[in-house]
Protein backbone atom coordinates (compact mmCIF):
# COMPACT_ATOMS: atom_id res chain seq x y z
CA UNK A 1 0.00 0.00 0.00
CA UNK A 2 2.88 2.36 0.82
CA UNK A 3 4.38 1.66 -2.60
CA UNK A 4 1.06 2.55 -4.26
CA UNK A 5 0.90 5.85 -2.37
CA UNK A 6 4.51 6.71 -3.25
CA UNK A 7 3.96 5.92 -6.92
CA UNK A 8 0.76 7.99 -6.97
CA UNK A 9 2.47 10.98 -5.32
CA UNK A 10 5.42 10.75 -7.71
CA UNK A 11 3.07 10.56 -10.69
CA UNK A 12 1.04 13.52 -9.49
CA UNK A 13 4.25 15.53 -9.08
CA UNK A 14 5.33 14.75 -12.63
CA UNK A 15 1.98 15.84 -14.08
CA UNK A 16 1.93 18.96 -11.92
CA UNK A 17 5.36 19.99 -13.17
CA UNK A 18 4.40 19.18 -16.77
CA UNK A 19 1.28 21.34 -16.38
CA UNK A 20 3.35 24.22 -15.01
CA UNK A 21 5.81 24.11 -17.89
CA UNK A 22 3.02 24.56 -20.44
CA UNK A 23 1.39 27.51 -18.65
CA UNK A 24 3.26 30.17 -20.63
CA UNK A 25 1.84 28.96 -23.93
CA UNK A 26 -1.62 28.79 -22.36
CA UNK A 27 -1.21 32.41 -21.24
CA UNK A 28 -0.35 33.48 -24.80
CA UNK A 29 -3.42 31.65 -26.11
CA UNK A 30 -5.60 33.35 -23.48
CA UNK A 31 -4.28 36.87 -24.23
CA UNK A 32 -4.84 36.51 -27.97
CA UNK A 33 -8.29 35.02 -27.40
CA UNK A 34 -9.27 38.11 -25.42
CA UNK A 35 -9.15 40.07 -28.69
CA UNK A 36 -11.65 37.81 -30.47
CA UNK A 37 -15.42 37.61 -30.36
CA UNK A 38 -17.31 35.31 -27.99
CA UNK A 39 -18.15 32.86 -30.79
CA UNK A 40 -14.51 32.65 -31.83
CA UNK A 41 -13.49 32.07 -28.21
CA UNK A 42 -15.89 29.16 -27.92
CA UNK A 43 -14.61 27.65 -31.16
CA UNK A 44 -10.97 28.05 -30.07
CA UNK A 45 -11.70 26.51 -26.67
CA UNK A 46 -13.36 23.50 -28.31
CA UNK A 47 -10.45 22.97 -30.67
CA UNK A 48 -7.91 23.54 -27.90
CA UNK A 49 -9.40 20.82 -25.69
CA UNK A 50 -9.67 18.20 -28.38
CA UNK A 51 -8.24 18.46 -31.88
CA UNK A 52 -5.29 20.82 -31.44
CA UNK A 53 -4.03 19.33 -28.19
CA UNK A 54 -4.66 15.76 -29.31
CA UNK A 55 -6.69 15.06 -26.17
CA UNK A 56 -10.30 13.90 -26.55
CA UNK A 57 -13.04 11.76 -25.04
CA UNK A 58 -15.53 10.07 -27.34
CA UNK A 59 -17.31 6.68 -27.42
CA UNK A 60 -15.78 5.58 -24.10
CA UNK A 61 -12.28 6.29 -25.42
CA UNK A 62 -10.07 8.87 -23.76
CA UNK A 63 -7.13 9.98 -25.86
CA UNK A 64 -4.27 11.78 -24.09
CA UNK A 65 -0.96 13.07 -25.42
CA UNK A 66 0.79 9.73 -24.78
CA UNK A 67 -1.86 7.08 -24.18
CA UNK A 68 -5.32 5.94 -25.24
CA UNK A 69 -7.71 4.57 -22.62
CA UNK A 70 -10.61 2.48 -23.98
CA UNK A 71 -13.14 1.89 -21.21
CA UNK A 72 -14.56 -1.56 -21.89
CA UNK A 73 -16.74 -2.35 -18.87
CA UNK A 74 -17.86 -1.06 -15.48
CA UNK A 75 -18.93 -3.25 -12.56
CA UNK A 76 -19.97 -2.70 -8.96
CA UNK A 77 -18.21 -5.22 -6.74
CA UNK A 78 -17.68 -5.87 -3.05
CA UNK A 79 -14.90 -3.86 -1.45
CA UNK A 80 -12.28 -5.11 1.00
CA UNK A 81 -14.14 -3.46 3.87
CA UNK A 82 -17.27 -5.43 4.68
CA UNK A 83 -20.49 -3.71 3.58
CA UNK A 84 -18.69 -1.34 1.17
CA UNK A 85 -18.82 -1.42 -2.63
CA UNK A 86 -16.37 -0.43 -5.37
CA UNK A 87 -16.87 0.81 -8.90
CA UNK A 88 -14.41 -1.09 -11.09
CA UNK A 89 -13.66 0.50 -14.47
CA UNK A 90 -12.03 -1.93 -16.89
CA UNK A 91 -9.79 -0.27 -19.46
CA UNK A 92 -7.49 -1.18 -22.34
CA UNK A 93 -4.52 1.21 -22.26
CA UNK A 94 -2.33 1.75 -25.33
CA UNK A 95 0.94 3.66 -25.23
CA UNK A 96 0.83 5.89 -28.33
CA UNK A 97 4.16 7.61 -27.61
CA UNK A 98 7.73 6.65 -28.40
CA UNK A 99 8.68 6.42 -24.71
CA UNK A 100 7.64 4.18 -21.84
CA UNK A 101 4.54 5.45 -19.99
CA UNK A 102 2.85 4.53 -16.70
CA UNK A 103 -0.89 4.03 -17.31
CA UNK A 104 -1.84 4.91 -13.71
CA UNK A 105 -0.67 8.47 -14.45
CA UNK A 106 -4.01 8.93 -16.19
CA UNK A 107 -5.69 9.22 -12.79
CA UNK A 108 -4.29 12.74 -12.50
CA UNK A 109 -6.59 13.95 -15.28
CA UNK A 110 -9.70 12.07 -14.13
CA UNK A 111 -12.13 13.41 -11.56
CA UNK A 112 -14.47 10.78 -10.14
CA UNK A 113 -17.36 12.14 -8.09
CA UNK A 114 -20.53 10.94 -6.41
CA UNK A 115 -23.19 13.07 -4.74
CA UNK A 116 -24.26 12.55 -1.16
CA UNK A 117 -26.94 14.50 0.76
CA UNK A 118 -24.92 17.73 0.82
CA UNK A 119 -21.95 17.54 -1.57
CA UNK A 120 -20.46 16.18 -4.76
CA UNK A 121 -17.69 14.08 -3.22
CA UNK A 122 -14.38 13.00 -4.81
CA UNK A 123 -14.12 9.22 -4.71
CA UNK A 124 -10.88 7.65 -3.57
CA UNK A 125 -9.16 4.54 -4.85
CA UNK A 126 -10.88 1.42 -3.63
CA UNK A 127 -9.47 -1.87 -2.43
CA UNK A 128 -11.19 -4.97 -3.82
CA UNK A 129 -12.48 -7.84 -1.74
CA UNK A 130 -9.84 -10.56 -1.69
CA UNK A 131 -10.37 -14.00 -3.19
CA UNK A 132 -10.89 -16.96 -0.84
CA UNK A 133 -7.16 -17.71 -1.04
CA UNK A 134 -6.32 -14.13 0.02
CA UNK A 135 -5.20 -12.97 -3.42
CA UNK A 136 -6.26 -9.77 -5.14
CA UNK A 137 -8.70 -10.56 -8.00
CA UNK A 138 -7.32 -7.59 -9.99
CA UNK A 139 -3.64 -8.02 -9.21
CA UNK A 140 -2.58 -8.49 -12.85
CA UNK A 141 -4.62 -5.49 -14.06
CA UNK A 142 -3.41 -3.26 -11.20
CA UNK A 143 0.21 -4.26 -11.81
CA UNK A 144 -0.22 -3.45 -15.50
CA UNK A 145 -1.39 0.06 -14.54
CA UNK A 146 1.71 0.63 -12.35
CA UNK A 147 4.32 -0.83 -14.71
CA UNK A 148 5.91 1.22 -17.48
CA UNK A 149 4.10 0.40 -20.71
CA UNK A 150 6.34 0.05 -23.75
CA UNK A 151 5.69 2.18 -26.86
CA UNK A 152 2.94 0.80 -29.10
CA UNK A 153 1.84 -1.82 -26.56
CA UNK A 154 -1.59 -2.34 -24.95
CA UNK A 155 -2.47 -3.72 -21.51
CA UNK A 156 -5.72 -4.43 -19.70
CA UNK A 157 -6.06 -2.49 -16.49
CA UNK A 158 -8.56 -1.26 -13.93
CA UNK A 159 -9.40 1.89 -12.06
CA UNK A 160 -11.12 1.04 -8.75
CA UNK A 161 -13.07 3.60 -6.70
CA UNK A 162 -14.77 3.14 -3.34
CA UNK A 163 -18.44 4.10 -3.54
CA UNK A 164 -20.02 6.31 -0.88
CA UNK A 165 -23.63 5.35 -1.72
CA UNK A 166 -25.72 4.11 -4.66
CA UNK A 167 -26.03 7.47 -6.46
CA UNK A 168 -24.61 7.70 -9.99
CA UNK A 169 -20.87 8.30 -10.38
CA UNK A 170 -19.64 10.97 -12.78
CA UNK A 171 -16.16 10.73 -14.27
CA UNK A 172 -14.77 13.94 -15.78
CA UNK A 173 -11.86 13.66 -18.20
CA UNK A 174 -9.46 16.59 -18.54
CA UNK A 175 -6.64 17.58 -20.87
CA UNK A 176 -3.12 18.65 -19.88
CA UNK A 177 -4.42 22.15 -19.05
CA UNK A 178 -7.04 20.61 -16.73
CA UNK A 179 -9.89 21.66 -19.02
CA UNK A 180 -12.84 19.27 -19.16
CA UNK A 181 -12.98 17.42 -22.48
CA UNK A 182 -15.63 14.83 -21.63
CA UNK A 183 -17.75 13.17 -18.97
CA UNK A 184 -19.24 9.73 -18.40
CA UNK A 185 -21.88 8.82 -15.82
CA UNK A 186 -22.13 5.33 -14.36
CA UNK A 187 -25.26 4.07 -12.61
CA UNK A 188 -24.21 1.96 -9.64
CA UNK A 189 -27.53 0.66 -8.27
C-alpha atoms as a PDB file:
ATOM      1  CA  UNK A   1       0.000   0.000   0.000  1.00  0.00           C
ATOM      2  CA  UNK A   2       2.884   2.362   0.818  1.00  0.00           C
ATOM      3  CA  UNK A   3       4.380   1.660  -2.598  1.00  0.00           C
ATOM      4  CA  UNK A   4       1.056   2.555  -4.255  1.00  0.00           C
ATOM      5  CA  UNK A   5       0.898   5.852  -2.372  1.00  0.00           C
ATOM      6  CA  UNK A   6       4.512   6.710  -3.245  1.00  0.00           C
ATOM      7  CA  UNK A   7       3.958   5.920  -6.922  1.00  0.00           C
ATOM      8  CA  UNK A   8       0.762   7.989  -6.968  1.00  0.00           C
ATOM      9  CA  UNK A   9       2.465  10.979  -5.318  1.00  0.00           C
ATOM     10  CA  UNK A  10       5.421  10.754  -7.710  1.00  0.00           C
ATOM     11  CA  UNK A  11       3.074  10.557 -10.692  1.00  0.00           C
ATOM     12  CA  UNK A  12       1.043  13.519  -9.489  1.00  0.00           C
ATOM     13  CA  UNK A  13       4.255  15.526  -9.077  1.00  0.00           C
ATOM     14  CA  UNK A  14       5.329  14.753 -12.628  1.00  0.00           C
ATOM     15  CA  UNK A  15       1.982  15.844 -14.084  1.00  0.00           C
ATOM     16  CA  UNK A  16       1.928  18.960 -11.915  1.00  0.00           C
ATOM     17  CA  UNK A  17       5.362  19.988 -13.171  1.00  0.00           C
ATOM     18  CA  UNK A  18       4.404  19.184 -16.770  1.00  0.00           C
ATOM     19  CA  UNK A  19       1.284  21.335 -16.380  1.00  0.00           C
ATOM     20  CA  UNK A  20       3.350  24.221 -15.010  1.00  0.00           C
ATOM     21  CA  UNK A  21       5.807  24.114 -17.890  1.00  0.00           C
ATOM     22  CA  UNK A  22       3.024  24.556 -20.438  1.00  0.00           C
ATOM     23  CA  UNK A  23       1.387  27.508 -18.647  1.00  0.00           C
ATOM     24  CA  UNK A  24       3.262  30.168 -20.626  1.00  0.00           C
ATOM     25  CA  UNK A  25       1.837  28.957 -23.933  1.00  0.00           C
ATOM     26  CA  UNK A  26      -1.620  28.790 -22.355  1.00  0.00           C
ATOM     27  CA  UNK A  27      -1.212  32.410 -21.242  1.00  0.00           C
ATOM     28  CA  UNK A  28      -0.346  33.481 -24.797  1.00  0.00           C
ATOM     29  CA  UNK A  29      -3.421  31.652 -26.106  1.00  0.00           C
ATOM     30  CA  UNK A  30      -5.600  33.351 -23.479  1.00  0.00           C
ATOM     31  CA  UNK A  31      -4.282  36.869 -24.225  1.00  0.00           C
ATOM     32  CA  UNK A  32      -4.843  36.506 -27.970  1.00  0.00           C
ATOM     33  CA  UNK A  33      -8.287  35.019 -27.395  1.00  0.00           C
ATOM     34  CA  UNK A  34      -9.269  38.109 -25.420  1.00  0.00           C
ATOM     35  CA  UNK A  35      -9.155  40.068 -28.686  1.00  0.00           C
ATOM     36  CA  UNK A  36     -11.651  37.810 -30.471  1.00  0.00           C
ATOM     37  CA  UNK A  37     -15.422  37.605 -30.355  1.00  0.00           C
ATOM     38  CA  UNK A  38     -17.308  35.305 -27.989  1.00  0.00           C
ATOM     39  CA  UNK A  39     -18.149  32.859 -30.790  1.00  0.00           C
ATOM     40  CA  UNK A  40     -14.507  32.651 -31.832  1.00  0.00           C
ATOM     41  CA  UNK A  41     -13.487  32.074 -28.207  1.00  0.00           C
ATOM     42  CA  UNK A  42     -15.894  29.155 -27.916  1.00  0.00           C
ATOM     43  CA  UNK A  43     -14.610  27.646 -31.160  1.00  0.00           C
ATOM     44  CA  UNK A  44     -10.971  28.052 -30.073  1.00  0.00           C
ATOM     45  CA  UNK A  45     -11.699  26.505 -26.669  1.00  0.00           C
ATOM     46  CA  UNK A  46     -13.363  23.503 -28.310  1.00  0.00           C
ATOM     47  CA  UNK A  47     -10.447  22.973 -30.666  1.00  0.00           C
ATOM     48  CA  UNK A  48      -7.915  23.545 -27.904  1.00  0.00           C
ATOM     49  CA  UNK A  49      -9.404  20.823 -25.689  1.00  0.00           C
ATOM     50  CA  UNK A  50      -9.667  18.203 -28.384  1.00  0.00           C
ATOM     51  CA  UNK A  51      -8.243  18.462 -31.885  1.00  0.00           C
ATOM     52  CA  UNK A  52      -5.292  20.822 -31.436  1.00  0.00           C
ATOM     53  CA  UNK A  53      -4.027  19.329 -28.188  1.00  0.00           C
ATOM     54  CA  UNK A  54      -4.662  15.763 -29.307  1.00  0.00           C
ATOM     55  CA  UNK A  55      -6.686  15.060 -26.167  1.00  0.00           C
ATOM     56  CA  UNK A  56     -10.302  13.902 -26.553  1.00  0.00           C
ATOM     57  CA  UNK A  57     -13.037  11.757 -25.038  1.00  0.00           C
ATOM     58  CA  UNK A  58     -15.530  10.066 -27.336  1.00  0.00           C
ATOM     59  CA  UNK A  59     -17.309   6.679 -27.424  1.00  0.00           C
ATOM     60  CA  UNK A  60     -15.780   5.577 -24.099  1.00  0.00           C
ATOM     61  CA  UNK A  61     -12.279   6.291 -25.423  1.00  0.00           C
ATOM     62  CA  UNK A  62     -10.065   8.870 -23.761  1.00  0.00           C
ATOM     63  CA  UNK A  63      -7.125   9.981 -25.865  1.00  0.00           C
ATOM     64  CA  UNK A  64      -4.272  11.776 -24.089  1.00  0.00           C
ATOM     65  CA  UNK A  65      -0.961  13.066 -25.418  1.00  0.00           C
ATOM     66  CA  UNK A  66       0.786   9.731 -24.784  1.00  0.00           C
ATOM     67  CA  UNK A  67      -1.865   7.078 -24.176  1.00  0.00           C
ATOM     68  CA  UNK A  68      -5.318   5.939 -25.236  1.00  0.00           C
ATOM     69  CA  UNK A  69      -7.712   4.570 -22.616  1.00  0.00           C
ATOM     70  CA  UNK A  70     -10.610   2.480 -23.983  1.00  0.00           C
ATOM     71  CA  UNK A  71     -13.145   1.891 -21.209  1.00  0.00           C
ATOM     72  CA  UNK A  72     -14.563  -1.563 -21.888  1.00  0.00           C
ATOM     73  CA  UNK A  73     -16.736  -2.351 -18.867  1.00  0.00           C
ATOM     74  CA  UNK A  74     -17.863  -1.055 -15.476  1.00  0.00           C
ATOM     75  CA  UNK A  75     -18.931  -3.250 -12.555  1.00  0.00           C
ATOM     76  CA  UNK A  76     -19.974  -2.699  -8.963  1.00  0.00           C
ATOM     77  CA  UNK A  77     -18.213  -5.217  -6.739  1.00  0.00           C
ATOM     78  CA  UNK A  78     -17.676  -5.869  -3.048  1.00  0.00           C
ATOM     79  CA  UNK A  79     -14.895  -3.856  -1.447  1.00  0.00           C
ATOM     80  CA  UNK A  80     -12.281  -5.108   0.998  1.00  0.00           C
ATOM     81  CA  UNK A  81     -14.141  -3.459   3.867  1.00  0.00           C
ATOM     82  CA  UNK A  82     -17.274  -5.430   4.677  1.00  0.00           C
ATOM     83  CA  UNK A  83     -20.486  -3.705   3.580  1.00  0.00           C
ATOM     84  CA  UNK A  84     -18.689  -1.344   1.173  1.00  0.00           C
ATOM     85  CA  UNK A  85     -18.821  -1.422  -2.634  1.00  0.00           C
ATOM     86  CA  UNK A  86     -16.373  -0.429  -5.374  1.00  0.00           C
ATOM     87  CA  UNK A  87     -16.875   0.808  -8.899  1.00  0.00           C
ATOM     88  CA  UNK A  88     -14.408  -1.090 -11.094  1.00  0.00           C
ATOM     89  CA  UNK A  89     -13.661   0.504 -14.471  1.00  0.00           C
ATOM     90  CA  UNK A  90     -12.025  -1.928 -16.893  1.00  0.00           C
ATOM     91  CA  UNK A  91      -9.790  -0.266 -19.456  1.00  0.00           C
ATOM     92  CA  UNK A  92      -7.490  -1.175 -22.336  1.00  0.00           C
ATOM     93  CA  UNK A  93      -4.521   1.208 -22.262  1.00  0.00           C
ATOM     94  CA  UNK A  94      -2.335   1.751 -25.328  1.00  0.00           C
ATOM     95  CA  UNK A  95       0.940   3.663 -25.235  1.00  0.00           C
ATOM     96  CA  UNK A  96       0.834   5.891 -28.327  1.00  0.00           C
ATOM     97  CA  UNK A  97       4.156   7.605 -27.607  1.00  0.00           C
ATOM     98  CA  UNK A  98       7.731   6.649 -28.397  1.00  0.00           C
ATOM     99  CA  UNK A  99       8.681   6.421 -24.712  1.00  0.00           C
ATOM    100  CA  UNK A 100       7.641   4.180 -21.839  1.00  0.00           C
ATOM    101  CA  UNK A 101       4.540   5.451 -19.993  1.00  0.00           C
ATOM    102  CA  UNK A 102       2.855   4.533 -16.696  1.00  0.00           C
ATOM    103  CA  UNK A 103      -0.895   4.031 -17.306  1.00  0.00           C
ATOM    104  CA  UNK A 104      -1.838   4.909 -13.712  1.00  0.00           C
ATOM    105  CA  UNK A 105      -0.666   8.471 -14.450  1.00  0.00           C
ATOM    106  CA  UNK A 106      -4.012   8.933 -16.194  1.00  0.00           C
ATOM    107  CA  UNK A 107      -5.691   9.224 -12.790  1.00  0.00           C
ATOM    108  CA  UNK A 108      -4.290  12.741 -12.501  1.00  0.00           C
ATOM    109  CA  UNK A 109      -6.591  13.953 -15.284  1.00  0.00           C
ATOM    110  CA  UNK A 110      -9.699  12.069 -14.131  1.00  0.00           C
ATOM    111  CA  UNK A 111     -12.131  13.409 -11.555  1.00  0.00           C
ATOM    112  CA  UNK A 112     -14.470  10.781 -10.138  1.00  0.00           C
ATOM    113  CA  UNK A 113     -17.361  12.140  -8.090  1.00  0.00           C
ATOM    114  CA  UNK A 114     -20.525  10.938  -6.407  1.00  0.00           C
ATOM    115  CA  UNK A 115     -23.189  13.068  -4.737  1.00  0.00           C
ATOM    116  CA  UNK A 116     -24.264  12.551  -1.158  1.00  0.00           C
ATOM    117  CA  UNK A 117     -26.935  14.498   0.757  1.00  0.00           C
ATOM    118  CA  UNK A 118     -24.916  17.725   0.819  1.00  0.00           C
ATOM    119  CA  UNK A 119     -21.951  17.540  -1.573  1.00  0.00           C
ATOM    120  CA  UNK A 120     -20.464  16.178  -4.757  1.00  0.00           C
ATOM    121  CA  UNK A 121     -17.690  14.076  -3.219  1.00  0.00           C
ATOM    122  CA  UNK A 122     -14.384  13.002  -4.807  1.00  0.00           C
ATOM    123  CA  UNK A 123     -14.123   9.225  -4.711  1.00  0.00           C
ATOM    124  CA  UNK A 124     -10.878   7.652  -3.573  1.00  0.00           C
ATOM    125  CA  UNK A 125      -9.161   4.536  -4.845  1.00  0.00           C
ATOM    126  CA  UNK A 126     -10.882   1.420  -3.634  1.00  0.00           C
ATOM    127  CA  UNK A 127      -9.473  -1.867  -2.431  1.00  0.00           C
ATOM    128  CA  UNK A 128     -11.187  -4.969  -3.820  1.00  0.00           C
ATOM    129  CA  UNK A 129     -12.485  -7.845  -1.739  1.00  0.00           C
ATOM    130  CA  UNK A 130      -9.842 -10.561  -1.687  1.00  0.00           C
ATOM    131  CA  UNK A 131     -10.368 -13.999  -3.191  1.00  0.00           C
ATOM    132  CA  UNK A 132     -10.889 -16.959  -0.843  1.00  0.00           C
ATOM    133  CA  UNK A 133      -7.156 -17.706  -1.037  1.00  0.00           C
ATOM    134  CA  UNK A 134      -6.320 -14.127   0.019  1.00  0.00           C
ATOM    135  CA  UNK A 135      -5.199 -12.974  -3.422  1.00  0.00           C
ATOM    136  CA  UNK A 136      -6.262  -9.770  -5.144  1.00  0.00           C
ATOM    137  CA  UNK A 137      -8.696 -10.560  -7.995  1.00  0.00           C
ATOM    138  CA  UNK A 138      -7.325  -7.593  -9.992  1.00  0.00           C
ATOM    139  CA  UNK A 139      -3.636  -8.024  -9.209  1.00  0.00           C
ATOM    140  CA  UNK A 140      -2.576  -8.491 -12.853  1.00  0.00           C
ATOM    141  CA  UNK A 141      -4.619  -5.489 -14.063  1.00  0.00           C
ATOM    142  CA  UNK A 142      -3.415  -3.262 -11.204  1.00  0.00           C
ATOM    143  CA  UNK A 143       0.208  -4.259 -11.811  1.00  0.00           C
ATOM    144  CA  UNK A 144      -0.222  -3.445 -15.499  1.00  0.00           C
ATOM    145  CA  UNK A 145      -1.387   0.060 -14.536  1.00  0.00           C
ATOM    146  CA  UNK A 146       1.708   0.629 -12.355  1.00  0.00           C
ATOM    147  CA  UNK A 147       4.317  -0.828 -14.710  1.00  0.00           C
ATOM    148  CA  UNK A 148       5.908   1.219 -17.483  1.00  0.00           C
ATOM    149  CA  UNK A 149       4.101   0.397 -20.714  1.00  0.00           C
ATOM    150  CA  UNK A 150       6.342   0.046 -23.751  1.00  0.00           C
ATOM    151  CA  UNK A 151       5.688   2.176 -26.859  1.00  0.00           C
ATOM    152  CA  UNK A 152       2.936   0.804 -29.098  1.00  0.00           C
ATOM    153  CA  UNK A 153       1.837  -1.823 -26.556  1.00  0.00           C
ATOM    154  CA  UNK A 154      -1.587  -2.336 -24.951  1.00  0.00           C
ATOM    155  CA  UNK A 155      -2.474  -3.722 -21.509  1.00  0.00           C
ATOM    156  CA  UNK A 156      -5.721  -4.427 -19.705  1.00  0.00           C
ATOM    157  CA  UNK A 157      -6.062  -2.488 -16.492  1.00  0.00           C
ATOM    158  CA  UNK A 158      -8.562  -1.264 -13.933  1.00  0.00           C
ATOM    159  CA  UNK A 159      -9.403   1.891 -12.057  1.00  0.00           C
ATOM    160  CA  UNK A 160     -11.116   1.040  -8.749  1.00  0.00           C
ATOM    161  CA  UNK A 161     -13.074   3.601  -6.705  1.00  0.00           C
ATOM    162  CA  UNK A 162     -14.766   3.136  -3.336  1.00  0.00           C
ATOM    163  CA  UNK A 163     -18.440   4.103  -3.544  1.00  0.00           C
ATOM    164  CA  UNK A 164     -20.019   6.306  -0.881  1.00  0.00           C
ATOM    165  CA  UNK A 165     -23.626   5.347  -1.716  1.00  0.00           C
ATOM    166  CA  UNK A 166     -25.721   4.110  -4.657  1.00  0.00           C
ATOM    167  CA  UNK A 167     -26.026   7.475  -6.458  1.00  0.00           C
ATOM    168  CA  UNK A 168     -24.613   7.702  -9.993  1.00  0.00           C
ATOM    169  CA  UNK A 169     -20.873   8.304 -10.380  1.00  0.00           C
ATOM    170  CA  UNK A 170     -19.639  10.973 -12.785  1.00  0.00           C
ATOM    171  CA  UNK A 171     -16.156  10.728 -14.272  1.00  0.00           C
ATOM    172  CA  UNK A 172     -14.767  13.939 -15.778  1.00  0.00           C
ATOM    173  CA  UNK A 173     -11.861  13.664 -18.199  1.00  0.00           C
ATOM    174  CA  UNK A 174      -9.456  16.586 -18.535  1.00  0.00           C
ATOM    175  CA  UNK A 175      -6.641  17.582 -20.871  1.00  0.00           C
ATOM    176  CA  UNK A 176      -3.118  18.647 -19.877  1.00  0.00           C
ATOM    177  CA  UNK A 177      -4.419  22.147 -19.049  1.00  0.00           C
ATOM    178  CA  UNK A 178      -7.040  20.607 -16.727  1.00  0.00           C
ATOM    179  CA  UNK A 179      -9.889  21.662 -19.020  1.00  0.00           C
ATOM    180  CA  UNK A 180     -12.840  19.269 -19.165  1.00  0.00           C
ATOM    181  CA  UNK A 181     -12.982  17.421 -22.475  1.00  0.00           C
ATOM    182  CA  UNK A 182     -15.629  14.829 -21.627  1.00  0.00           C
ATOM    183  CA  UNK A 183     -17.748  13.170 -18.968  1.00  0.00           C
ATOM    184  CA  UNK A 184     -19.237   9.734 -18.404  1.00  0.00           C
ATOM    185  CA  UNK A 185     -21.884   8.815 -15.823  1.00  0.00           C
ATOM    186  CA  UNK A 186     -22.126   5.328 -14.355  1.00  0.00           C
ATOM    187  CA  UNK A 187     -25.264   4.068 -12.615  1.00  0.00           C
ATOM    188  CA  UNK A 188     -24.208   1.961  -9.644  1.00  0.00           C
ATOM    189  CA  UNK A 189     -27.527   0.662  -8.266  1.00  0.00           C
END
